[in-house]
PDB file of N, CA and C in Angstrom:
ATOM      1  N   MET A   1      55.266  34.824 -16.712  1.00  0.00           N
ATOM      2  CA  MET A   1      54.011  35.065 -17.376  1.00  0.00           C
ATOM      3  C   MET A   1      54.141  36.170 -18.418  1.00  0.00           C
ATOM      4  N   GLU A   2      54.866  37.231 -18.073  1.00  0.00           N
ATOM      5  CA  GLU A   2      55.054  38.336 -19.012  1.00  0.00           C
ATOM      6  C   GLU A   2      55.825  37.882 -20.243  1.00  0.00           C
ATOM      7  N   ASP A   3      56.778  36.996 -20.049  1.00  0.00           N
ATOM      8  CA  ASP A   3      57.554  36.496 -21.184  1.00  0.00           C
ATOM      9  C   ASP A   3      56.685  35.697 -22.146  1.00  0.00           C
ATOM     10  N   ILE A   4      55.761  34.932 -21.591  1.00  0.00           N
ATOM     11  CA  ILE A   4      54.876  34.139 -22.437  1.00  0.00           C
ATOM     12  C   ILE A   4      53.959  35.055 -23.242  1.00  0.00           C
ATOM     13  N   LEU A   5      53.420  36.095 -22.592  1.00  0.00           N
ATOM     14  CA  LEU A   5      52.566  37.037 -23.301  1.00  0.00           C
ATOM     15  C   LEU A   5      53.340  37.790 -24.380  1.00  0.00           C
ATOM     16  N   GLU A   6      54.557  38.168 -24.069  1.00  0.00           N
ATOM     17  CA  GLU A   6      55.387  38.853 -25.053  1.00  0.00           C
ATOM     18  C   GLU A   6      55.678  37.956 -26.249  1.00  0.00           C
ATOM     19  N   LEU A   7      55.942  36.677 -25.994  1.00  0.00           N
ATOM     20  CA  LEU A   7      56.190  35.721 -27.069  1.00  0.00           C
ATOM     21  C   LEU A   7      54.946  35.549 -27.938  1.00  0.00           C
ATOM     22  N   ILE A   8      53.789  35.441 -27.327  1.00  0.00           N
ATOM     23  CA  ILE A   8      52.542  35.285 -28.086  1.00  0.00           C
ATOM     24  C   ILE A   8      52.284  36.509 -28.954  1.00  0.00           C
ATOM     25  N   LEU A   9      52.443  37.698 -28.385  1.00  0.00           N
ATOM     26  CA  LEU A   9      52.242  38.916 -29.157  1.00  0.00           C
ATOM     27  C   LEU A   9      53.260  39.052 -30.285  1.00  0.00           C
ATOM     28  N   SER A  10      54.500  38.654 -30.025  1.00  0.00           N
ATOM     29  CA  SER A  10      55.529  38.711 -31.068  1.00  0.00           C
ATOM     30  C   SER A  10      55.178  37.786 -32.228  1.00  0.00           C
ATOM     31  N   ILE A  11      54.714  36.594 -31.905  1.00  0.00           N
ATOM     32  CA  ILE A  11      54.349  35.642 -32.957  1.00  0.00           C
ATOM     33  C   ILE A  11      53.153  36.145 -33.756  1.00  0.00           C
ATOM     34  N   LEU A  12      52.190  36.761 -33.076  1.00  0.00           N
ATOM     35  CA  LEU A  12      50.995  37.244 -33.766  1.00  0.00           C
ATOM     36  C   LEU A  12      51.268  38.446 -34.657  1.00  0.00           C
ATOM     37  N   PHE A  13      52.108  39.373 -34.195  1.00  0.00           N
ATOM     38  CA  PHE A  13      52.294  40.622 -34.918  1.00  0.00           C
ATOM     39  C   PHE A  13      53.540  40.671 -35.801  1.00  0.00           C
ATOM     40  N   MET A  14      54.419  39.691 -35.728  1.00  0.00           N
ATOM     41  CA  MET A  14      55.648  39.698 -36.525  1.00  0.00           C
ATOM     42  C   MET A  14      55.377  39.718 -38.035  1.00  0.00           C
ATOM     43  N   PRO A  15      54.402  38.961 -38.547  1.00  0.00           N
ATOM     44  CA  PRO A  15      54.191  38.994 -40.006  1.00  0.00           C
ATOM     45  C   PRO A  15      53.727  40.349 -40.525  1.00  0.00           C
ATOM     46  N   PHE A  16      53.145  41.185 -39.674  1.00  0.00           N
ATOM     47  CA  PHE A  16      52.614  42.466 -40.120  1.00  0.00           C
ATOM     48  C   PHE A  16      53.598  43.618 -39.940  1.00  0.00           C
ATOM     49  N   GLU A  17      54.750  43.352 -39.342  1.00  0.00           N
ATOM     50  CA  GLU A  17      55.689  44.428 -39.032  1.00  0.00           C
ATOM     51  C   GLU A  17      56.219  45.115 -40.289  1.00  0.00           C
ATOM     52  N   SER A  18      56.611  44.368 -41.294  1.00  0.00           N
ATOM     53  CA  SER A  18      57.168  44.979 -42.503  1.00  0.00           C
ATOM     54  C   SER A  18      56.090  45.741 -43.271  1.00  0.00           C
ATOM     55  N   LYS A  19      54.864  45.221 -43.298  1.00  0.00           N
ATOM     56  CA  LYS A  19      53.779  45.916 -43.983  1.00  0.00           C
ATOM     57  C   LYS A  19      53.443  47.220 -43.272  1.00  0.00           C
ATOM     58  N   TYR A  20      53.496  47.204 -41.949  1.00  0.00           N
ATOM     59  CA  TYR A  20      53.242  48.405 -41.164  1.00  0.00           C
ATOM     60  C   TYR A  20      54.320  49.455 -41.449  1.00  0.00           C
ATOM     61  N   ASP A  21      55.576  49.029 -41.498  1.00  0.00           N
ATOM     62  CA  ASP A  21      56.670  49.953 -41.784  1.00  0.00           C
ATOM     63  C   ASP A  21      56.563  50.516 -43.198  1.00  0.00           C
ATOM     64  N   ASN A  22      56.211  49.695 -44.163  1.00  0.00           N
ATOM     65  CA  ASN A  22      56.038  50.168 -45.539  1.00  0.00           C
ATOM     66  C   ASN A  22      54.921  51.193 -45.631  1.00  0.00           C
ATOM     67  N   LEU A  23      53.825  50.928 -44.955  1.00  0.00           N
ATOM     68  CA  LEU A  23      52.706  51.854 -44.968  1.00  0.00           C
ATOM     69  C   LEU A  23      53.077  53.169 -44.295  1.00  0.00           C
ATOM     70  N   LYS A  24      53.823  53.096 -43.202  1.00  0.00           N
ATOM     71  CA  LYS A  24      54.268  54.308 -42.503  1.00  0.00           C
ATOM     72  C   LYS A  24      55.195  55.134 -43.387  1.00  0.00           C
ATOM     73  N   ASN A  25      56.077  54.471 -44.135  1.00  0.00           N
ATOM     74  CA  ASN A  25      56.968  55.190 -45.045  1.00  0.00           C
ATOM     75  C   ASN A  25      56.190  55.867 -46.168  1.00  0.00           C
ATOM     76  N   LYS A  26      55.142  55.215 -46.670  1.00  0.00           N
ATOM     77  CA  LYS A  26      54.320  55.827 -47.713  1.00  0.00           C
ATOM     78  C   LYS A  26      53.566  57.036 -47.173  1.00  0.00           C
ATOM     79  N   ILE A  27      53.118  56.947 -45.928  1.00  0.00           N
ATOM     80  CA  ILE A  27      52.417  58.086 -45.320  1.00  0.00           C
ATOM     81  C   ILE A  27      53.369  59.261 -45.139  1.00  0.00           C
ATOM     82  N   ASP A  28      54.616  58.989 -44.786  1.00  0.00           N
ATOM     83  CA  ASP A  28      55.583  60.065 -44.584  1.00  0.00           C
ATOM     84  C   ASP A  28      55.892  60.823 -45.876  1.00  0.00           C
ATOM     85  N   LYS A  29      55.662  60.234 -47.024  1.00  0.00           N
ATOM     86  CA  LYS A  29      55.942  60.886 -48.310  1.00  0.00           C
ATOM     87  C   LYS A  29      54.819  61.816 -48.766  1.00  0.00           C
ATOM     88  N   ILE A  30      53.680  61.798 -48.085  1.00  0.00           N
ATOM     89  CA  ILE A  30      52.552  62.653 -48.455  1.00  0.00           C
ATOM     90  C   ILE A  30      52.882  64.096 -48.083  1.00  0.00           C
ATOM     91  N   PRO A  31      52.693  65.047 -49.009  1.00  0.00           N
ATOM     92  CA  PRO A  31      53.080  66.435 -48.719  1.00  0.00           C
ATOM     93  C   PRO A  31      52.171  67.160 -47.713  1.00  0.00           C
ATOM     94  N   SER A  32      50.912  66.805 -47.617  1.00  0.00           N
ATOM     95  CA  SER A  32      49.977  67.489 -46.723  1.00  0.00           C
ATOM     96  C   SER A  32      50.186  67.030 -45.269  1.00  0.00           C
ATOM     97  N   LYS A  33      50.499  68.002 -44.405  1.00  0.00           N
ATOM     98  CA  LYS A  33      50.771  67.674 -43.011  1.00  0.00           C
ATOM     99  C   LYS A  33      49.507  67.197 -42.282  1.00  0.00           C
ATOM    100  N   ALA A  34      48.370  67.830 -42.559  1.00  0.00           N
ATOM    101  CA  ALA A  34      47.124  67.436 -41.901  1.00  0.00           C
ATOM    102  C   ALA A  34      46.723  66.016 -42.296  1.00  0.00           C
ATOM    103  N   LEU A  35      46.891  65.677 -43.555  1.00  0.00           N
ATOM    104  CA  LEU A  35      46.562  64.335 -44.027  1.00  0.00           C
ATOM    105  C   LEU A  35      47.498  63.299 -43.414  1.00  0.00           C
ATOM    106  N   LYS A  36      48.774  63.666 -43.266  1.00  0.00           N
ATOM    107  CA  LYS A  36      49.734  62.755 -42.617  1.00  0.00           C
ATOM    108  C   LYS A  36      49.310  62.435 -41.190  1.00  0.00           C
ATOM    109  N   ILE A  37      48.933  63.466 -40.446  1.00  0.00           N
ATOM    110  CA  ILE A  37      48.531  63.285 -39.058  1.00  0.00           C
ATOM    111  C   ILE A  37      47.278  62.420 -38.978  1.00  0.00           C
ATOM    112  N   LEU A  38      46.309  62.680 -39.853  1.00  0.00           N
ATOM    113  CA  LEU A  38      45.079  61.901 -39.865  1.00  0.00           C
ATOM    114  C   LEU A  38      45.346  60.432 -40.184  1.00  0.00           C
ATOM    115  N   LEU A  39      46.164  60.174 -41.183  1.00  0.00           N
ATOM    116  CA  LEU A  39      46.460  58.799 -41.567  1.00  0.00           C
ATOM    117  C   LEU A  39      47.261  58.062 -40.494  1.00  0.00           C
ATOM    118  N   LYS A  40      48.197  58.752 -39.843  1.00  0.00           N
ATOM    119  CA  LYS A  40      48.946  58.115 -38.756  1.00  0.00           C
ATOM    120  C   LYS A  40      48.035  57.805 -37.574  1.00  0.00           C
ATOM    121  N   LEU A  41      47.092  58.685 -37.299  1.00  0.00           N
ATOM    122  CA  LEU A  41      46.126  58.440 -36.230  1.00  0.00           C
ATOM    123  C   LEU A  41      45.267  57.223 -36.565  1.00  0.00           C
ATOM    124  N   LEU A  42      44.821  57.133 -37.813  1.00  0.00           N
ATOM    125  CA  LEU A  42      44.033  55.972 -38.231  1.00  0.00           C
ATOM    126  C   LEU A  42      44.866  54.699 -38.201  1.00  0.00           C
ATOM    127  N   LEU A  43      46.135  54.815 -38.530  1.00  0.00           N
ATOM    128  CA  LEU A  43      47.035  53.665 -38.518  1.00  0.00           C
ATOM    129  C   LEU A  43      47.172  53.095 -37.108  1.00  0.00           C
ATOM    130  N   ILE A  44      47.037  53.945 -36.110  1.00  0.00           N
ATOM    131  CA  ILE A  44      47.120  53.499 -34.720  1.00  0.00           C
ATOM    132  C   ILE A  44      45.751  53.025 -34.213  1.00  0.00           C
ATOM    133  N   LEU A  45      44.682  53.734 -34.566  1.00  0.00           N
ATOM    134  CA  LEU A  45      43.362  53.441 -34.010  1.00  0.00           C
ATOM    135  C   LEU A  45      42.686  52.218 -34.617  1.00  0.00           C
ATOM    136  N   ILE A  46      42.921  51.931 -35.877  1.00  0.00           N
ATOM    137  CA  ILE A  46      42.248  50.805 -36.523  1.00  0.00           C
ATOM    138  C   ILE A  46      42.602  49.470 -35.860  1.00  0.00           C
ATOM    139  N   PRO A  47      43.874  49.168 -35.578  1.00  0.00           N
ATOM    140  CA  PRO A  47      44.143  47.897 -34.884  1.00  0.00           C
ATOM    141  C   PRO A  47      43.491  47.805 -33.502  1.00  0.00           C
ATOM    142  N   PHE A  48      43.446  48.934 -32.771  1.00  0.00           N
ATOM    143  CA  PHE A  48      42.786  48.915 -31.471  1.00  0.00           C
ATOM    144  C   PHE A  48      41.293  48.648 -31.623  1.00  0.00           C
ATOM    145  N   ALA A  49      40.674  49.209 -32.647  1.00  0.00           N
ATOM    146  CA  ALA A  49      39.248  48.968 -32.886  1.00  0.00           C
ATOM    147  C   ALA A  49      39.010  47.503 -33.241  1.00  0.00           C
ATOM    148  N   LEU A  50      39.904  46.923 -34.020  1.00  0.00           N
ATOM    149  CA  LEU A  50      39.754  45.515 -34.373  1.00  0.00           C
ATOM    150  C   LEU A  50      39.917  44.612 -33.153  1.00  0.00           C
ATOM    151  N   ILE A  51      40.882  44.916 -32.305  1.00  0.00           N
ATOM    152  CA  ILE A  51      41.090  44.120 -31.091  1.00  0.00           C
ATOM    153  C   ILE A  51      39.890  44.258 -30.154  1.00  0.00           C
ATOM    154  N   PHE A  52      39.364  45.470 -30.006  1.00  0.00           N
ATOM    155  CA  PHE A  52      38.195  45.680 -29.156  1.00  0.00           C
ATOM    156  C   PHE A  52      36.991  44.927 -29.711  1.00  0.00           C
ATOM    157  N   GLY A  53      36.814  44.953 -31.024  1.00  0.00           N
ATOM    158  CA  GLY A  53      35.721  44.218 -31.647  1.00  0.00           C
ATOM    159  C   GLY A  53      35.850  42.721 -31.441  1.00  0.00           C
ATOM    160  N   LEU A  54      37.082  42.218 -31.528  1.00  0.00           N
ATOM    161  CA  LEU A  54      37.314  40.797 -31.295  1.00  0.00           C
ATOM    162  C   LEU A  54      37.016  40.420 -29.842  1.00  0.00           C
ATOM    163  N   CYS A  55      37.401  41.279 -28.910  1.00  0.00           N
ATOM    164  CA  CYS A  55      37.092  41.034 -27.494  1.00  0.00           C
ATOM    165  C   CYS A  55      35.585  41.032 -27.255  1.00  0.00           C
ATOM    166  N   CYS A  56      34.868  41.969 -27.881  1.00  0.00           N
ATOM    167  CA  CYS A  56      33.413  42.012 -27.739  1.00  0.00           C
ATOM    168  C   CYS A  56      32.774  40.763 -28.317  1.00  0.00           C
ATOM    169  N   LEU A  57      33.260  40.323 -29.460  1.00  0.00           N
ATOM    170  CA  LEU A  57      32.710  39.123 -30.080  1.00  0.00           C
ATOM    171  C   LEU A  57      32.940  37.890 -29.209  1.00  0.00           C
ATOM    172  N   CYS A  58      34.154  37.750 -28.674  1.00  0.00           N
ATOM    173  CA  CYS A  58      34.442  36.615 -27.791  1.00  0.00           C
ATOM    174  C   CYS A  58      33.598  36.689 -26.529  1.00  0.00           C
ATOM    175  N   SER A  59      33.401  37.876 -25.989  1.00  0.00           N
ATOM    176  CA  SER A  59      32.561  38.039 -24.811  1.00  0.00           C
ATOM    177  C   SER A  59      31.129  37.632 -25.123  1.00  0.00           C
ATOM    178  N   TYR A  60      30.648  38.008 -26.279  1.00  0.00           N
ATOM    179  CA  TYR A  60      29.283  37.649 -26.663  1.00  0.00           C
ATOM    180  C   TYR A  60      29.142  36.145 -26.849  1.00  0.00           C
ATOM    181  N   ILE A  61      30.139  35.531 -27.453  1.00  0.00           N
ATOM    182  CA  ILE A  61      30.083  34.081 -27.698  1.00  0.00           C
ATOM    183  C   ILE A  61      30.139  33.315 -26.389  1.00  0.00           C
ATOM    184  N   PHE A  62      31.041  33.678 -25.489  1.00  0.00           N
ATOM    185  CA  PHE A  62      31.247  32.899 -24.276  1.00  0.00           C
ATOM    186  C   PHE A  62      30.300  33.264 -23.143  1.00  0.00           C
ATOM    187  N   ARG A  63      29.936  34.545 -23.011  1.00  0.00           N
ATOM    188  CA  ARG A  63      29.099  34.951 -21.886  1.00  0.00           C
ATOM    189  C   ARG A  63      27.672  35.291 -22.300  1.00  0.00           C
ATOM    190  N   GLY A  64      27.457  35.547 -23.572  1.00  0.00           N
ATOM    191  CA  GLY A  64      26.111  35.792 -24.053  1.00  0.00           C
ATOM    192  C   GLY A  64      25.707  37.257 -24.088  1.00  0.00           C
ATOM    193  N   TYR A  65      26.603  38.176 -23.769  1.00  0.00           N
ATOM    194  CA  TYR A  65      26.272  39.591 -23.872  1.00  0.00           C
ATOM    195  C   TYR A  65      27.539  40.383 -24.235  1.00  0.00           C
ATOM    196  N   TRP A  66      27.313  41.568 -24.823  1.00  0.00           N
ATOM    197  CA  TRP A  66      28.427  42.416 -25.233  1.00  0.00           C
ATOM    198  C   TRP A  66      29.052  43.084 -24.019  1.00  0.00           C
ATOM    199  N   ILE A  67      30.243  43.576 -24.190  1.00  0.00           N
ATOM    200  CA  ILE A  67      30.942  44.277 -23.101  1.00  0.00           C
ATOM    201  C   ILE A  67      30.240  45.578 -22.800  1.00  0.00           C
TER     202      ILE A  67
END
């Protein structure tokens, strides 16, 4: 079961891997340390917010109420 989930996640996120790496490299070139930390934090939190929003939407569609 874990292998199947890993395969699904790999297929879903593989096209975005190079774009994520490019964006991370651009963030590393910024001279301001505080701005770097903020942007890296946003780089991590935005995908989690999108996944949570998608889960809430699916929950609303299938069960009729938000999480």
